[in-house]
Amino acid sequence: MLEVKCPTCGRMVVYSGNEFRPFCSERCKLLDFGAWANEEFALPTQDTALSEEDLEQIEKVLKEKSNL
């Protein structure tokens, strides 16, 4: 039987037949969901401002699509 570590509490749990997989319980699943909802987890991003050239290119593409 395949066992995995619960991402929330770290407890080892059988994967197959577990309705909360990969979590060990509904509690751990809801804790993880709550963390995502509160934006405690985030994917790294790099904020960059668009240049005038970028904006012109976007406008050009949008105009071409609207003419189809």
PDB file of N, CA and C in Angstrom:
ATOM      1  N   MET A   1       0.835  -1.179   0.000  1.00  0.00           N
ATOM      2  CA  MET A   1       0.000   0.000   0.000  1.00  0.00           C
ATOM      3  C   MET A   1       0.883   1.247   0.000  1.00  0.00           C
ATOM      4  N   LEU A   2       0.532   2.187  -0.853  1.00  0.00           N
ATOM      5  CA  LEU A   2       1.268   3.436  -0.948  1.00  0.00           C
ATOM      6  C   LEU A   2       0.879   4.365   0.190  1.00  0.00           C
ATOM      7  N   GLU A   3       1.883   4.833   0.911  1.00  0.00           N
ATOM      8  CA  GLU A   3       1.642   5.797   1.978  1.00  0.00           C
ATOM      9  C   GLU A   3       2.288   7.122   1.591  1.00  0.00           C
ATOM     10  N   VAL A   4       1.594   8.209   1.909  1.00  0.00           N
ATOM     11  CA  VAL A   4       2.109   9.541   1.641  1.00  0.00           C
ATOM     12  C   VAL A   4       2.060  10.362   2.926  1.00  0.00           C
ATOM     13  N   LYS A   5       2.860  11.408   2.952  1.00  0.00           N
ATOM     14  CA  LYS A   5       2.887  12.293   4.110  1.00  0.00           C
ATOM     15  C   LYS A   5       1.837  13.386   3.911  1.00  0.00           C
ATOM     16  N   CYS A   6       0.991  13.576   4.904  1.00  0.00           N
ATOM     17  CA  CYS A   6      -0.019  14.622   4.864  1.00  0.00           C
ATOM     18  C   CYS A   6       0.693  15.971   4.739  1.00  0.00           C
ATOM     19  N   PRO A   7       0.335  16.789   3.742  1.00  0.00           N
ATOM     20  CA  PRO A   7       1.006  18.073   3.556  1.00  0.00           C
ATOM     21  C   PRO A   7       0.785  19.055   4.710  1.00  0.00           C
ATOM     22  N   THR A   8      -0.249  18.844   5.506  1.00  0.00           N
ATOM     23  CA  THR A   8      -0.555  19.776   6.594  1.00  0.00           C
ATOM     24  C   THR A   8       0.135  19.386   7.893  1.00  0.00           C
ATOM     25  N   CYS A   9      -0.058  18.147   8.330  1.00  0.00           N
ATOM     26  CA  CYS A   9       0.477  17.750   9.643  1.00  0.00           C
ATOM     27  C   CYS A   9       1.692  16.831   9.558  1.00  0.00           C
ATOM     28  N   GLY A  10       1.950  16.247   8.390  1.00  0.00           N
ATOM     29  CA  GLY A  10       3.116  15.394   8.225  1.00  0.00           C
ATOM     30  C   GLY A  10       2.902  13.942   8.595  1.00  0.00           C
ATOM     31  N   ARG A  11       1.702  13.584   9.026  1.00  0.00           N
ATOM     32  CA  ARG A  11       1.402  12.203   9.399  1.00  0.00           C
ATOM     33  C   ARG A  11       1.364  11.319   8.150  1.00  0.00           C
ATOM     34  N   MET A  12       1.878  10.116   8.250  1.00  0.00           N
ATOM     35  CA  MET A  12       1.828   9.169   7.139  1.00  0.00           C
ATOM     36  C   MET A  12       0.427   8.589   7.041  1.00  0.00           C
ATOM     37  N   VAL A  13      -0.103   8.526   5.816  1.00  0.00           N
ATOM     38  CA  VAL A  13      -1.467   8.055   5.603  1.00  0.00           C
ATOM     39  C   VAL A  13      -1.521   7.225   4.327  1.00  0.00           C
ATOM     40  N   VAL A  14      -2.367   6.197   4.326  1.00  0.00           N
ATOM     41  CA  VAL A  14      -2.550   5.349   3.148  1.00  0.00           C
ATOM     42  C   VAL A  14      -3.248   6.178   2.075  1.00  0.00           C
ATOM     43  N   TYR A  15      -2.694   6.166   0.860  1.00  0.00           N
ATOM     44  CA  TYR A  15      -3.214   6.992  -0.229  1.00  0.00           C
ATOM     45  C   TYR A  15      -4.503   6.433  -0.823  1.00  0.00           C
ATOM     46  N   SER A  16      -4.502   5.167  -1.192  1.00  0.00           N
ATOM     47  CA  SER A  16      -5.676   4.600  -1.860  1.00  0.00           C
ATOM     48  C   SER A  16      -6.813   4.398  -0.864  1.00  0.00           C
ATOM     49  N   GLY A  17      -8.010   4.742  -1.305  1.00  0.00           N
ATOM     50  CA  GLY A  17      -9.186   4.584  -0.465  1.00  0.00           C
ATOM     51  C   GLY A  17      -9.380   5.718   0.525  1.00  0.00           C
ATOM     52  N   ASN A  18      -8.489   6.688   0.525  1.00  0.00           N
ATOM     53  CA  ASN A  18      -8.593   7.817   1.442  1.00  0.00           C
ATOM     54  C   ASN A  18      -9.342   8.946   0.747  1.00  0.00           C
ATOM     55  N   GLU A  19     -10.529   9.273   1.220  1.00  0.00           N
ATOM     56  CA  GLU A  19     -11.343  10.294   0.550  1.00  0.00           C
ATOM     57  C   GLU A  19     -10.761  11.700   0.687  1.00  0.00           C
ATOM     58  N   PHE A  20      -9.807  11.896   1.597  1.00  0.00           N
ATOM     59  CA  PHE A  20      -9.224  13.221   1.803  1.00  0.00           C
ATOM     60  C   PHE A  20      -7.822  13.347   1.209  1.00  0.00           C
ATOM     61  N   ARG A  21      -7.385  12.334   0.463  1.00  0.00           N
ATOM     62  CA  ARG A  21      -6.025  12.327  -0.045  1.00  0.00           C
ATOM     63  C   ARG A  21      -5.690  13.598  -0.789  1.00  0.00           C
ATOM     64  N   PRO A  22      -4.513  14.091  -0.688  1.00  0.00           N
ATOM     65  CA  PRO A  22      -3.360  13.538  -0.004  1.00  0.00           C
ATOM     66  C   PRO A  22      -3.325  13.870   1.491  1.00  0.00           C
ATOM     67  N   PHE A  23      -4.398  14.446   2.014  1.00  0.00           N
ATOM     68  CA  PHE A  23      -4.444  14.796   3.432  1.00  0.00           C
ATOM     69  C   PHE A  23      -4.889  13.596   4.252  1.00  0.00           C
ATOM     70  N   CYS A  24      -4.617  13.639   5.547  1.00  0.00           N
ATOM     71  CA  CYS A  24      -4.972  12.515   6.405  1.00  0.00           C
ATOM     72  C   CYS A  24      -6.415  12.612   6.892  1.00  0.00           C
ATOM     73  N   SER A  25      -6.982  13.812   6.889  1.00  0.00           N
ATOM     74  CA  SER A  25      -8.332  13.995   7.423  1.00  0.00           C
ATOM     75  C   SER A  25      -8.980  15.226   6.795  1.00  0.00           C
ATOM     76  N   GLU A  26     -10.264  15.355   7.047  1.00  0.00           N
ATOM     77  CA  GLU A  26     -10.983  16.532   6.554  1.00  0.00           C
ATOM     78  C   GLU A  26     -10.430  17.797   7.209  1.00  0.00           C
ATOM     79  N   ARG A  27     -10.056  17.693   8.475  1.00  0.00           N
ATOM     80  CA  ARG A  27      -9.507  18.852   9.190  1.00  0.00           C
ATOM     81  C   ARG A  27      -8.267  19.389   8.487  1.00  0.00           C
ATOM     82  N   CYS A  28      -7.322  18.518   8.157  1.00  0.00           N
ATOM     83  CA  CYS A  28      -6.098  18.950   7.488  1.00  0.00           C
ATOM     84  C   CYS A  28      -6.405  19.519   6.100  1.00  0.00           C
ATOM     85  N   LYS A  29      -7.351  18.917   5.417  1.00  0.00           N
ATOM     86  CA  LYS A  29      -7.747  19.409   4.102  1.00  0.00           C
ATOM     87  C   LYS A  29      -8.316  20.826   4.210  1.00  0.00           C
ATOM     88  N   LEU A  30      -9.176  21.067   5.191  1.00  0.00           N
ATOM     89  CA  LEU A  30      -9.784  22.382   5.373  1.00  0.00           C
ATOM     90  C   LEU A  30      -8.769  23.418   5.850  1.00  0.00           C
ATOM     91  N   LEU A  31      -7.821  23.003   6.682  1.00  0.00           N
ATOM     92  CA  LEU A  31      -6.765  23.926   7.103  1.00  0.00           C
ATOM     93  C   LEU A  31      -5.945  24.400   5.903  1.00  0.00           C
ATOM     94  N   ASP A  32      -5.636  23.473   5.017  1.00  0.00           N
ATOM     95  CA  ASP A  32      -4.876  23.818   3.821  1.00  0.00           C
ATOM     96  C   ASP A  32      -5.692  24.744   2.919  1.00  0.00           C
ATOM     97  N   PHE A  33      -6.971  24.437   2.731  1.00  0.00           N
ATOM     98  CA  PHE A  33      -7.837  25.281   1.903  1.00  0.00           C
ATOM     99  C   PHE A  33      -7.934  26.687   2.495  1.00  0.00           C
ATOM    100  N   GLY A  34      -8.066  26.769   3.811  1.00  0.00           N
ATOM    101  CA  GLY A  34      -8.136  28.068   4.475  1.00  0.00           C
ATOM    102  C   GLY A  34      -6.871  28.883   4.274  1.00  0.00           C
ATOM    103  N   ALA A  35      -5.724  28.222   4.304  1.00  0.00           N
ATOM    104  CA  ALA A  35      -4.457  28.916   4.077  1.00  0.00           C
ATOM    105  C   ALA A  35      -4.407  29.493   2.665  1.00  0.00           C
ATOM    106  N   TRP A  36      -4.877  28.728   1.675  1.00  0.00           N
ATOM    107  CA  TRP A  36      -4.926  29.243   0.301  1.00  0.00           C
ATOM    108  C   TRP A  36      -5.901  30.408   0.211  1.00  0.00           C
ATOM    109  N   ALA A  37      -7.064  30.283   0.845  1.00  0.00           N
ATOM    110  CA  ALA A  37      -8.077  31.341   0.789  1.00  0.00           C
ATOM    111  C   ALA A  37      -7.574  32.627   1.450  1.00  0.00           C
ATOM    112  N   ASN A  38      -6.748  32.499   2.470  1.00  0.00           N
ATOM    113  CA  ASN A  38      -6.179  33.666   3.147  1.00  0.00           C
ATOM    114  C   ASN A  38      -4.908  34.168   2.477  1.00  0.00           C
ATOM    115  N   GLU A  39      -4.585  33.579   1.321  1.00  0.00           N
ATOM    116  CA  GLU A  39      -3.411  33.951   0.521  1.00  0.00           C
ATOM    117  C   GLU A  39      -2.102  33.766   1.284  1.00  0.00           C
ATOM    118  N   GLU A  40      -2.065  32.747   2.156  1.00  0.00           N
ATOM    119  CA  GLU A  40      -0.826  32.418   2.847  1.00  0.00           C
ATOM    120  C   GLU A  40       0.146  31.697   1.920  1.00  0.00           C
ATOM    121  N   PHE A  41      -0.385  31.061   0.894  1.00  0.00           N
ATOM    122  CA  PHE A  41       0.432  30.421  -0.132  1.00  0.00           C
ATOM    123  C   PHE A  41       0.311  31.266  -1.389  1.00  0.00           C
ATOM    124  N   ALA A  42       1.398  31.463  -2.066  1.00  0.00           N
ATOM    125  CA  ALA A  42       1.349  32.225  -3.311  1.00  0.00           C
ATOM    126  C   ALA A  42       2.479  31.762  -4.220  1.00  0.00           C
ATOM    127  N   LEU A  43       2.220  31.813  -5.492  1.00  0.00           N
ATOM    128  CA  LEU A  43       3.251  31.499  -6.458  1.00  0.00           C
ATOM    129  C   LEU A  43       4.085  32.749  -6.682  1.00  0.00           C
ATOM    130  N   PRO A  44       5.384  32.610  -6.795  1.00  0.00           N
ATOM    131  CA  PRO A  44       6.226  33.796  -6.983  1.00  0.00           C
ATOM    132  C   PRO A  44       5.952  34.440  -8.337  1.00  0.00           C
ATOM    133  N   THR A  45       5.891  35.742  -8.321  1.00  0.00           N
ATOM    134  CA  THR A  45       5.700  36.493  -9.561  1.00  0.00           C
ATOM    135  C   THR A  45       6.697  37.627  -9.614  1.00  0.00           C
ATOM    136  N   GLN A  46       6.876  38.118 -10.796  1.00  0.00           N
ATOM    137  CA  GLN A  46       7.755  39.253 -10.969  1.00  0.00           C
ATOM    138  C   GLN A  46       6.920  40.343 -11.636  1.00  0.00           C
ATOM    139  N   ASP A  47       6.663  41.409 -10.904  1.00  0.00           N
ATOM    140  CA  ASP A  47       5.879  42.501 -11.451  1.00  0.00           C
ATOM    141  C   ASP A  47       6.748  43.339 -12.376  1.00  0.00           C
ATOM    142  N   THR A  48       6.252  43.516 -13.576  1.00  0.00           N
ATOM    143  CA  THR A  48       6.953  44.361 -14.529  1.00  0.00           C
ATOM    144  C   THR A  48       5.942  45.282 -15.181  1.00  0.00           C
ATOM    145  N   ALA A  49       6.335  46.487 -15.390  1.00  0.00           N
ATOM    146  CA  ALA A  49       5.459  47.455 -16.055  1.00  0.00           C
ATOM    147  C   ALA A  49       5.561  47.242 -17.566  1.00  0.00           C
ATOM    148  N   LEU A  50       4.442  47.422 -18.236  1.00  0.00           N
ATOM    149  CA  LEU A  50       4.435  47.300 -19.689  1.00  0.00           C
ATOM    150  C   LEU A  50       4.985  48.579 -20.302  1.00  0.00           C
ATOM    151  N   SER A  51       5.807  48.410 -21.312  1.00  0.00           N
ATOM    152  CA  SER A  51       6.345  49.570 -22.010  1.00  0.00           C
ATOM    153  C   SER A  51       5.318  50.069 -23.022  1.00  0.00           C
ATOM    154  N   GLU A  52       5.557  51.241 -23.549  1.00  0.00           N
ATOM    155  CA  GLU A  52       4.668  51.784 -24.589  1.00  0.00           C
ATOM    156  C   GLU A  52       4.634  50.847 -25.792  1.00  0.00           C
ATOM    157  N   GLU A  53       5.779  50.276 -26.114  1.00  0.00           N
ATOM    158  CA  GLU A  53       5.862  49.338 -27.243  1.00  0.00           C
ATOM    159  C   GLU A  53       4.998  48.106 -26.984  1.00  0.00           C
ATOM    160  N   ASP A  54       5.032  47.596 -25.759  1.00  0.00           N
ATOM    161  CA  ASP A  54       4.204  46.445 -25.393  1.00  0.00           C
ATOM    162  C   ASP A  54       2.721  46.784 -25.549  1.00  0.00           C
ATOM    163  N   LEU A  55       2.325  47.949 -25.047  1.00  0.00           N
ATOM    164  CA  LEU A  55       0.923  48.363 -25.135  1.00  0.00           C
ATOM    165  C   LEU A  55       0.474  48.521 -26.584  1.00  0.00           C
ATOM    166  N   GLU A  56       1.334  49.092 -27.410  1.00  0.00           N
ATOM    167  CA  GLU A  56       1.003  49.244 -28.832  1.00  0.00           C
ATOM    168  C   GLU A  56       0.824  47.888 -29.493  1.00  0.00           C
ATOM    169  N   GLN A  57       1.689  46.933 -29.166  1.00  0.00           N
ATOM    170  CA  GLN A  57       1.594  45.586 -29.735  1.00  0.00           C
ATOM    171  C   GLN A  57       0.294  44.907 -29.304  1.00  0.00           C
ATOM    172  N   ILE A  58      -0.076  45.061 -28.049  1.00  0.00           N
ATOM    173  CA  ILE A  58      -1.322  44.473 -27.542  1.00  0.00           C
ATOM    174  C   ILE A  58      -2.518  45.084 -28.260  1.00  0.00           C
ATOM    175  N   GLU A  59      -2.517  46.402 -28.405  1.00  0.00           N
ATOM    176  CA  GLU A  59      -3.618  47.082 -29.102  1.00  0.00           C
ATOM    177  C   GLU A  59      -3.714  46.621 -30.549  1.00  0.00           C
ATOM    178  N   LYS A  60      -2.574  46.440 -31.205  1.00  0.00           N
ATOM    179  CA  LYS A  60      -2.545  45.987 -32.595  1.00  0.00           C
ATOM    180  C   LYS A  60      -3.185  44.600 -32.723  1.00  0.00           C
ATOM    181  N   VAL A  61      -2.805  43.698 -31.841  1.00  0.00           N
ATOM    182  CA  VAL A  61      -3.345  42.335 -31.882  1.00  0.00           C
ATOM    183  C   VAL A  61      -4.851  42.342 -31.613  1.00  0.00           C
ATOM    184  N   LEU A  62      -5.279  43.156 -30.652  1.00  0.00           N
ATOM    185  CA  LEU A  62      -6.712  43.226 -30.341  1.00  0.00           C
ATOM    186  C   LEU A  62      -7.516  43.776 -31.518  1.00  0.00           C
ATOM    187  N   LYS A  63      -6.975  44.780 -32.192  1.00  0.00           N
ATOM    188  CA  LYS A  63      -7.656  45.336 -33.362  1.00  0.00           C
ATOM    189  C   LYS A  63      -7.760  44.308 -34.478  1.00  0.00           C
ATOM    190  N   GLU A  64      -6.673  43.553 -34.694  1.00  0.00           N
ATOM    191  CA  GLU A  64      -6.677  42.507 -35.728  1.00  0.00           C
ATOM    192  C   GLU A  64      -7.736  41.450 -35.423  1.00  0.00           C
ATOM    193  N   LYS A  65      -7.842  41.066 -34.156  1.00  0.00           N
ATOM    194  CA  LYS A  65      -8.825  40.045 -33.770  1.00  0.00           C
ATOM    195  C   LYS A  65     -10.244  40.561 -33.925  1.00  0.00           C
ATOM    196  N   SER A  66     -10.454  41.814 -33.637  1.00  0.00           N
ATOM    197  CA  SER A  66     -11.826  42.358 -33.734  1.00  0.00           C
ATOM    198  C   SER A  66     -12.269  42.538 -35.176  1.00  0.00           C
ATOM    199  N   ASN A  67     -11.324  42.600 -36.118  1.00  0.00           N
ATOM    200  CA  ASN A  67     -11.642  42.748 -37.545  1.00  0.00           C
ATOM    201  C   ASN A  67     -11.939  41.414 -38.213  1.00  0.00           C
ATOM    202  N   LEU A  68     -11.767  40.322 -37.512  1.00  0.00           N
ATOM    203  CA  LEU A  68     -12.001  38.991 -38.114  1.00  0.00           C
ATOM    204  C   LEU A  68     -13.431  38.697 -38.295  1.00  0.00           C
TER     205      LEU A  68
END
